[in-house]
Amino acid sequence: MTGELIRLGTLSAARARDLTQAQLICESKLAEITAGITPPEAVSSAEYELDPEWVYSVELASVD
């Protein structure tokens, strides 16, 4: 029983870490595009420069 709780806690911590990392990468790329550092163009499954284990995509859409 205790071992299962430890396993679930470890899995939850890893999931939270990964979601936090994904959010930081997303915010970073969006800031680069907003600041004009990166051109606003569609990208599909590009490696994140600072951590190649992560990939990102950019979709463009017009707004009213």
C-alpha atoms as a PDB file:
ATOM      1  CA  MET A   1       0.000   0.000   0.000  1.00  0.00           C
ATOM      2  CA  THR A   2       2.725   2.487   0.940  1.00  0.00           C
ATOM      3  CA  GLY A   3       4.763   1.530  -2.118  1.00  0.00           C
ATOM      4  CA  GLU A   4       1.785   2.246  -4.379  1.00  0.00           C
ATOM      5  CA  LEU A   5       1.307   5.682  -2.790  1.00  0.00           C
ATOM      6  CA  ILE A   6       4.971   6.472  -3.328  1.00  0.00           C
ATOM      7  CA  ARG A   7       4.725   5.362  -6.961  1.00  0.00           C
ATOM      8  CA  LEU A   8       1.626   7.490  -7.556  1.00  0.00           C
ATOM      9  CA  GLY A   9       3.267  10.465  -5.872  1.00  0.00           C
ATOM     10  CA  THR A  10       6.353  10.092  -8.044  1.00  0.00           C
ATOM     11  CA  LEU A  11       4.269   9.852 -11.220  1.00  0.00           C
ATOM     12  CA  SER A  12       2.224  12.903 -10.234  1.00  0.00           C
ATOM     13  CA  ALA A  13       5.364  14.913  -9.492  1.00  0.00           C
ATOM     14  CA  ALA A  14       6.886  13.980 -12.864  1.00  0.00           C
ATOM     15  CA  ARG A  15       3.663  14.906 -14.667  1.00  0.00           C
ATOM     16  CA  ALA A  16       3.524  18.272 -12.868  1.00  0.00           C
ATOM     17  CA  ARG A  17       7.183  18.931 -13.740  1.00  0.00           C
ATOM     18  CA  ASP A  18       6.585  18.147 -17.411  1.00  0.00           C
ATOM     19  CA  LEU A  19       3.458  20.308 -17.607  1.00  0.00           C
ATOM     20  CA  THR A  20       5.304  23.200 -15.994  1.00  0.00           C
ATOM     21  CA  GLN A  21       8.207  22.825 -18.448  1.00  0.00           C
ATOM     22  CA  ALA A  22       5.785  22.729 -21.394  1.00  0.00           C
ATOM     23  CA  GLN A  23       4.050  25.884 -20.173  1.00  0.00           C
ATOM     24  CA  LEU A  24       7.370  27.723 -19.769  1.00  0.00           C
ATOM     25  CA  ILE A  25       8.474  26.744 -23.280  1.00  0.00           C
ATOM     26  CA  CYS A  26       5.137  27.869 -24.701  1.00  0.00           C
ATOM     27  CA  GLU A  27       5.309  31.214 -22.907  1.00  0.00           C
ATOM     28  CA  SER A  28       8.904  31.701 -24.046  1.00  0.00           C
ATOM     29  CA  LYS A  29       8.136  31.020 -27.720  1.00  0.00           C
ATOM     30  CA  LEU A  30       5.055  33.249 -27.615  1.00  0.00           C
ATOM     31  CA  ALA A  31       7.117  36.059 -26.060  1.00  0.00           C
ATOM     32  CA  GLU A  32       9.752  35.676 -28.803  1.00  0.00           C
ATOM     33  CA  ILE A  33       7.073  35.965 -31.492  1.00  0.00           C
ATOM     34  CA  THR A  34       5.397  38.922 -29.774  1.00  0.00           C
ATOM     35  CA  ALA A  35       8.716  40.751 -29.368  1.00  0.00           C
ATOM     36  CA  GLY A  36       9.636  40.175 -33.033  1.00  0.00           C
ATOM     37  CA  ILE A  37      12.641  37.985 -32.207  1.00  0.00           C
ATOM     38  CA  THR A  38      11.057  35.031 -34.001  1.00  0.00           C
ATOM     39  CA  PRO A  39       8.965  35.657 -37.144  1.00  0.00           C
ATOM     40  CA  PRO A  40       5.249  34.857 -36.834  1.00  0.00           C
ATOM     41  CA  GLU A  41       5.120  31.842 -39.140  1.00  0.00           C
ATOM     42  CA  ALA A  42       3.582  28.394 -38.912  1.00  0.00           C
ATOM     43  CA  VAL A  43       5.938  25.748 -37.520  1.00  0.00           C
ATOM     44  CA  SER A  44       5.288  22.042 -37.040  1.00  0.00           C
ATOM     45  CA  SER A  45       7.187  19.805 -34.619  1.00  0.00           C
ATOM     46  CA  ALA A  46      10.296  21.986 -34.338  1.00  0.00           C
ATOM     47  CA  GLU A  47      12.927  21.182 -31.723  1.00  0.00           C
ATOM     48  CA  TYR A  48      13.118  23.667 -28.880  1.00  0.00           C
ATOM     49  CA  GLU A  49      16.593  25.178 -29.122  1.00  0.00           C
ATOM     50  CA  LEU A  50      17.378  25.138 -25.395  1.00  0.00           C
ATOM     51  CA  ASP A  51      16.151  21.580 -24.823  1.00  0.00           C
ATOM     52  CA  PRO A  52      15.976  19.408 -27.983  1.00  0.00           C
ATOM     53  CA  GLU A  53      13.941  16.748 -26.150  1.00  0.00           C
ATOM     54  CA  TRP A  54      10.979  19.122 -26.465  1.00  0.00           C
ATOM     55  CA  VAL A  55       9.242  20.004 -29.733  1.00  0.00           C
ATOM     56  CA  TYR A  56       6.748  22.757 -30.422  1.00  0.00           C
ATOM     57  CA  SER A  57       4.355  23.848 -33.142  1.00  0.00           C
ATOM     58  CA  VAL A  58       2.970  27.258 -34.060  1.00  0.00           C
ATOM     59  CA  GLU A  59      -0.357  27.783 -35.798  1.00  0.00           C
ATOM     60  CA  LEU A  60      -1.448  31.139 -37.149  1.00  0.00           C
ATOM     61  CA  ALA A  61      -5.033  32.355 -37.255  1.00  0.00           C
ATOM     62  CA  SER A  62      -6.590  35.709 -37.978  1.00  0.00           C
ATOM     63  CA  VAL A  63      -8.751  37.411 -35.381  1.00  0.00           C
ATOM     64  CA  ASP A  64     -11.487  39.988 -35.751  1.00  0.00           C
END
